[in-house]
Amino acid sequence: MSSRKNNIDVLLDDRDERAGVKFKDADLIGIPFRIIIGRDAINNQVELVSRSKKSKIKVSINNILEIFINESKLMYN
């Protein structure tokens, strides 16, 4: 599955800011999901955060696209 094929827009925040500043800005502009690549990436885990559900789940890097697509379909359908 590719992001282009699935009509996914990606915003990479690579500014030299603290994570909290980036998260706050993402909320302010209304980004519906965040995929956080943090300390758990060493264990092939990322965090998927849903703004509307106010939920956070740990997801395998290998499954993130599939889980993200399923979560976004639930939100928008």
N, C-alpha and C. Protein backbone atom coordinates (compact mmCIF):
# COMPACT_ATOMS: atom_id res chain seq x y z
N MET A 1 0.84 -1.18 0.00
CA MET A 1 0.00 0.00 0.00
C MET A 1 0.88 1.24 0.00
N SER A 2 0.62 2.13 -0.90
CA SER A 2 1.39 3.37 -0.92
C SER A 2 0.52 4.53 -0.47
N SER A 3 1.15 5.59 0.02
CA SER A 3 0.39 6.75 0.46
C SER A 3 -0.26 7.44 -0.73
N ARG A 4 0.37 7.42 -1.89
CA ARG A 4 -0.20 8.04 -3.08
C ARG A 4 -1.45 7.28 -3.54
N LYS A 5 -1.36 5.99 -3.55
CA LYS A 5 -2.48 5.15 -3.98
C LYS A 5 -3.68 5.32 -3.04
N ASN A 6 -3.43 5.58 -1.77
CA ASN A 6 -4.48 5.70 -0.77
C ASN A 6 -4.89 7.14 -0.47
N ASN A 7 -4.39 8.09 -1.26
CA ASN A 7 -4.75 9.51 -1.09
C ASN A 7 -4.48 10.02 0.32
N ILE A 8 -3.29 9.78 0.80
CA ILE A 8 -2.88 10.22 2.13
C ILE A 8 -1.93 11.40 1.97
N ASP A 9 -2.26 12.50 2.66
CA ASP A 9 -1.36 13.64 2.70
C ASP A 9 -0.52 13.54 3.96
N VAL A 10 0.78 13.79 3.81
CA VAL A 10 1.71 13.66 4.93
C VAL A 10 2.36 15.01 5.19
N LEU A 11 2.41 15.39 6.46
CA LEU A 11 3.11 16.58 6.87
C LEU A 11 4.21 16.14 7.84
N LEU A 12 5.45 16.32 7.44
CA LEU A 12 6.59 15.96 8.28
C LEU A 12 7.07 17.21 8.98
N ASP A 13 6.99 17.20 10.30
CA ASP A 13 7.44 18.35 11.08
C ASP A 13 8.89 18.09 11.50
N ASP A 14 9.82 18.61 10.73
CA ASP A 14 11.23 18.39 11.03
C ASP A 14 11.91 19.64 11.58
N ARG A 15 11.11 20.51 12.19
CA ARG A 15 11.67 21.72 12.79
C ARG A 15 12.51 21.36 14.02
N ASP A 16 13.41 22.24 14.36
CA ASP A 16 14.23 22.07 15.56
C ASP A 16 13.49 22.62 16.77
N GLU A 17 12.37 21.99 17.09
CA GLU A 17 11.55 22.36 18.24
C GLU A 17 11.36 21.13 19.12
N ARG A 18 10.93 21.38 20.36
CA ARG A 18 10.61 20.27 21.26
C ARG A 18 9.36 19.55 20.75
N ALA A 19 9.21 18.30 21.09
CA ALA A 19 8.06 17.51 20.63
C ALA A 19 6.74 18.15 21.05
N GLY A 20 6.66 18.65 22.27
CA GLY A 20 5.42 19.27 22.76
C GLY A 20 4.98 20.44 21.91
N VAL A 21 5.92 21.23 21.45
CA VAL A 21 5.61 22.38 20.59
C VAL A 21 5.04 21.87 19.27
N LYS A 22 5.64 20.84 18.72
CA LYS A 22 5.17 20.28 17.45
C LYS A 22 3.77 19.68 17.61
N PHE A 23 3.52 18.98 18.71
CA PHE A 23 2.21 18.38 18.95
C PHE A 23 1.14 19.46 19.09
N LYS A 24 1.45 20.51 19.83
CA LYS A 24 0.52 21.61 20.02
C LYS A 24 0.18 22.27 18.68
N ASP A 25 1.19 22.51 17.88
CA ASP A 25 0.96 23.12 16.57
C ASP A 25 0.11 22.22 15.67
N ALA A 26 0.35 20.92 15.72
CA ALA A 26 -0.45 19.98 14.92
C ALA A 26 -1.91 20.04 15.35
N ASP A 27 -2.15 20.13 16.64
CA ASP A 27 -3.53 20.25 17.14
C ASP A 27 -4.15 21.57 16.72
N LEU A 28 -3.38 22.64 16.77
CA LEU A 28 -3.91 23.96 16.40
C LEU A 28 -4.34 24.04 14.94
N ILE A 29 -3.61 23.36 14.06
CA ILE A 29 -3.98 23.42 12.65
C ILE A 29 -4.93 22.28 12.25
N GLY A 30 -5.27 21.42 13.21
CA GLY A 30 -6.30 20.41 12.98
C GLY A 30 -5.84 19.13 12.32
N ILE A 31 -4.59 18.75 12.51
CA ILE A 31 -4.10 17.49 11.97
C ILE A 31 -4.85 16.35 12.68
N PRO A 32 -5.57 15.49 11.93
CA PRO A 32 -6.41 14.48 12.59
C PRO A 32 -5.65 13.31 13.21
N PHE A 33 -4.50 12.95 12.64
CA PHE A 33 -3.70 11.84 13.17
C PHE A 33 -2.24 12.24 13.24
N ARG A 34 -1.54 11.70 14.24
CA ARG A 34 -0.08 11.86 14.31
C ARG A 34 0.52 10.46 14.42
N ILE A 35 1.60 10.26 13.71
CA ILE A 35 2.39 9.05 13.89
C ILE A 35 3.70 9.50 14.51
N ILE A 36 3.93 9.07 15.72
CA ILE A 36 5.09 9.52 16.48
C ILE A 36 6.15 8.43 16.46
N ILE A 37 7.29 8.79 15.94
CA ILE A 37 8.43 7.88 15.91
C ILE A 37 9.33 8.31 17.06
N GLY A 38 9.29 7.56 18.13
CA GLY A 38 10.02 7.93 19.33
C GLY A 38 10.97 6.84 19.78
N ARG A 39 11.10 6.74 21.10
CA ARG A 39 12.04 5.77 21.69
C ARG A 39 11.71 4.33 21.33
N ASP A 40 10.42 4.04 21.15
CA ASP A 40 10.02 2.66 20.85
C ASP A 40 10.36 2.23 19.43
N ALA A 41 10.82 3.15 18.62
CA ALA A 41 11.20 2.80 17.24
C ALA A 41 12.32 1.76 17.23
N ILE A 42 13.12 1.74 18.26
CA ILE A 42 14.19 0.74 18.35
C ILE A 42 13.60 -0.67 18.41
N ASN A 43 12.35 -0.77 18.92
CA ASN A 43 11.65 -2.05 18.98
C ASN A 43 10.62 -2.18 17.85
N ASN A 44 10.82 -1.40 16.78
CA ASN A 44 9.92 -1.41 15.62
C ASN A 44 8.49 -1.04 15.98
N GLN A 45 8.32 -0.10 16.91
CA GLN A 45 7.00 0.37 17.33
C GLN A 45 6.91 1.88 17.14
N VAL A 46 5.76 2.35 16.68
CA VAL A 46 5.46 3.77 16.61
C VAL A 46 4.13 3.99 17.33
N GLU A 47 3.81 5.25 17.56
CA GLU A 47 2.57 5.57 18.25
C GLU A 47 1.63 6.27 17.27
N LEU A 48 0.40 5.80 17.18
CA LEU A 48 -0.62 6.42 16.34
C LEU A 48 -1.58 7.14 17.27
N VAL A 49 -1.69 8.46 17.06
CA VAL A 49 -2.53 9.30 17.91
C VAL A 49 -3.68 9.83 17.07
N SER A 50 -4.90 9.61 17.55
CA SER A 50 -6.10 10.12 16.90
C SER A 50 -6.57 11.33 17.67
N ARG A 51 -6.65 12.47 17.00
CA ARG A 51 -7.07 13.71 17.65
C ARG A 51 -8.53 13.65 18.09
N SER A 52 -9.40 13.15 17.22
CA SER A 52 -10.83 13.16 17.54
C SER A 52 -11.19 12.14 18.63
N LYS A 53 -10.57 10.98 18.59
CA LYS A 53 -10.85 9.94 19.59
C LYS A 53 -10.07 10.16 20.88
N LYS A 54 -9.08 11.04 20.81
CA LYS A 54 -8.17 11.26 21.94
C LYS A 54 -7.57 9.94 22.41
N SER A 55 -7.11 9.14 21.42
CA SER A 55 -6.53 7.84 21.75
C SER A 55 -5.11 7.74 21.21
N LYS A 56 -4.34 6.90 21.88
CA LYS A 56 -2.97 6.60 21.47
C LYS A 56 -2.82 5.09 21.47
N ILE A 57 -2.29 4.56 20.37
CA ILE A 57 -2.02 3.13 20.34
C ILE A 57 -0.62 2.89 19.79
N LYS A 58 0.04 1.88 20.34
CA LYS A 58 1.35 1.48 19.84
C LYS A 58 1.13 0.49 18.71
N VAL A 59 1.86 0.70 17.64
CA VAL A 59 1.65 -0.08 16.43
C VAL A 59 3.01 -0.53 15.89
N SER A 60 3.06 -1.72 15.35
CA SER A 60 4.26 -2.20 14.69
C SER A 60 4.52 -1.36 13.44
N ILE A 61 5.76 -1.04 13.20
CA ILE A 61 6.13 -0.28 12.00
C ILE A 61 5.63 -0.99 10.75
N ASN A 62 5.64 -2.31 10.77
CA ASN A 62 5.21 -3.08 9.60
C ASN A 62 3.71 -2.97 9.32
N ASN A 63 2.92 -2.60 10.33
CA ASN A 63 1.47 -2.56 10.19
C ASN A 63 0.89 -1.15 10.22
N ILE A 64 1.72 -0.13 10.33
CA ILE A 64 1.21 1.21 10.56
C ILE A 64 0.31 1.70 9.43
N LEU A 65 0.67 1.47 8.19
CA LEU A 65 -0.14 1.97 7.08
C LEU A 65 -1.52 1.33 7.08
N GLU A 66 -1.57 0.03 7.25
CA GLU A 66 -2.85 -0.68 7.27
C GLU A 66 -3.74 -0.21 8.42
N ILE A 67 -3.17 -0.08 9.61
CA ILE A 67 -3.94 0.35 10.78
C ILE A 67 -4.37 1.80 10.62
N PHE A 68 -3.49 2.65 10.11
CA PHE A 68 -3.85 4.04 9.89
C PHE A 68 -5.01 4.15 8.91
N ILE A 69 -4.97 3.41 7.81
CA ILE A 69 -6.05 3.46 6.81
C ILE A 69 -7.36 3.00 7.44
N ASN A 70 -7.33 1.93 8.23
CA ASN A 70 -8.54 1.46 8.90
C ASN A 70 -9.09 2.50 9.87
N GLU A 71 -8.22 3.12 10.64
CA GLU A 71 -8.65 4.15 11.60
C GLU A 71 -9.25 5.35 10.89
N SER A 72 -8.62 5.77 9.79
CA SER A 72 -9.13 6.93 9.07
C SER A 72 -10.46 6.62 8.39
N LYS A 73 -10.65 5.39 7.92
CA LYS A 73 -11.95 5.02 7.34
C LYS A 73 -13.04 5.06 8.40
N LEU A 74 -12.72 4.59 9.59
CA LEU A 74 -13.70 4.66 10.69
C LEU A 74 -14.07 6.10 11.01
N MET A 75 -13.11 6.99 10.92
CA MET A 75 -13.35 8.40 11.25
C MET A 75 -14.18 9.09 10.18
N TYR A 76 -13.89 8.81 8.94
CA TYR A 76 -14.50 9.57 7.85
C TYR A 76 -15.68 8.89 7.18
N ASN A 77 -16.04 7.68 7.60
CA ASN A 77 -17.22 6.99 7.00
C ASN A 77 -18.35 6.91 7.98
